[in-house]
Amino acid sequence: MAAGEVSAEEASARSPAVAVA
């Protein structure tokens, strides 16, 4: 999971780049 996001899936839905962060 991203460090600060609820989950990798949530981040991916918002911004593809955030999912990698």
Protein backbone atom coordinates (compact mmCIF):
# COMPACT_ATOMS: atom_id res chain seq x y z
CA MET A 1 0.00 0.00 0.00
CA ALA A 2 1.05 3.57 -0.52
CA ALA A 3 2.46 5.37 2.51
CA GLY A 4 -0.37 7.79 3.25
CA GLU A 5 -3.14 6.45 1.06
CA VAL A 6 -6.04 4.35 2.32
CA SER A 7 -5.04 1.54 -0.02
CA ALA A 8 -3.26 0.91 -3.31
CA GLU A 9 -6.63 0.37 -4.97
CA GLU A 10 -7.95 3.72 -3.76
CA ALA A 11 -4.79 5.47 -4.91
CA SER A 12 -4.94 3.77 -8.30
CA ALA A 13 -8.53 4.90 -8.77
CA ARG A 14 -7.55 8.50 -7.98
CA SER A 15 -4.23 8.69 -9.79
CA PRO A 16 -2.20 5.90 -11.45
CA ALA A 17 1.07 7.56 -10.42
CA VAL A 18 0.06 7.62 -6.75
CA ALA A 19 -0.35 3.84 -6.75
CA VAL A 20 3.34 3.48 -7.56
CA ALA A 21 4.43 5.98 -4.91
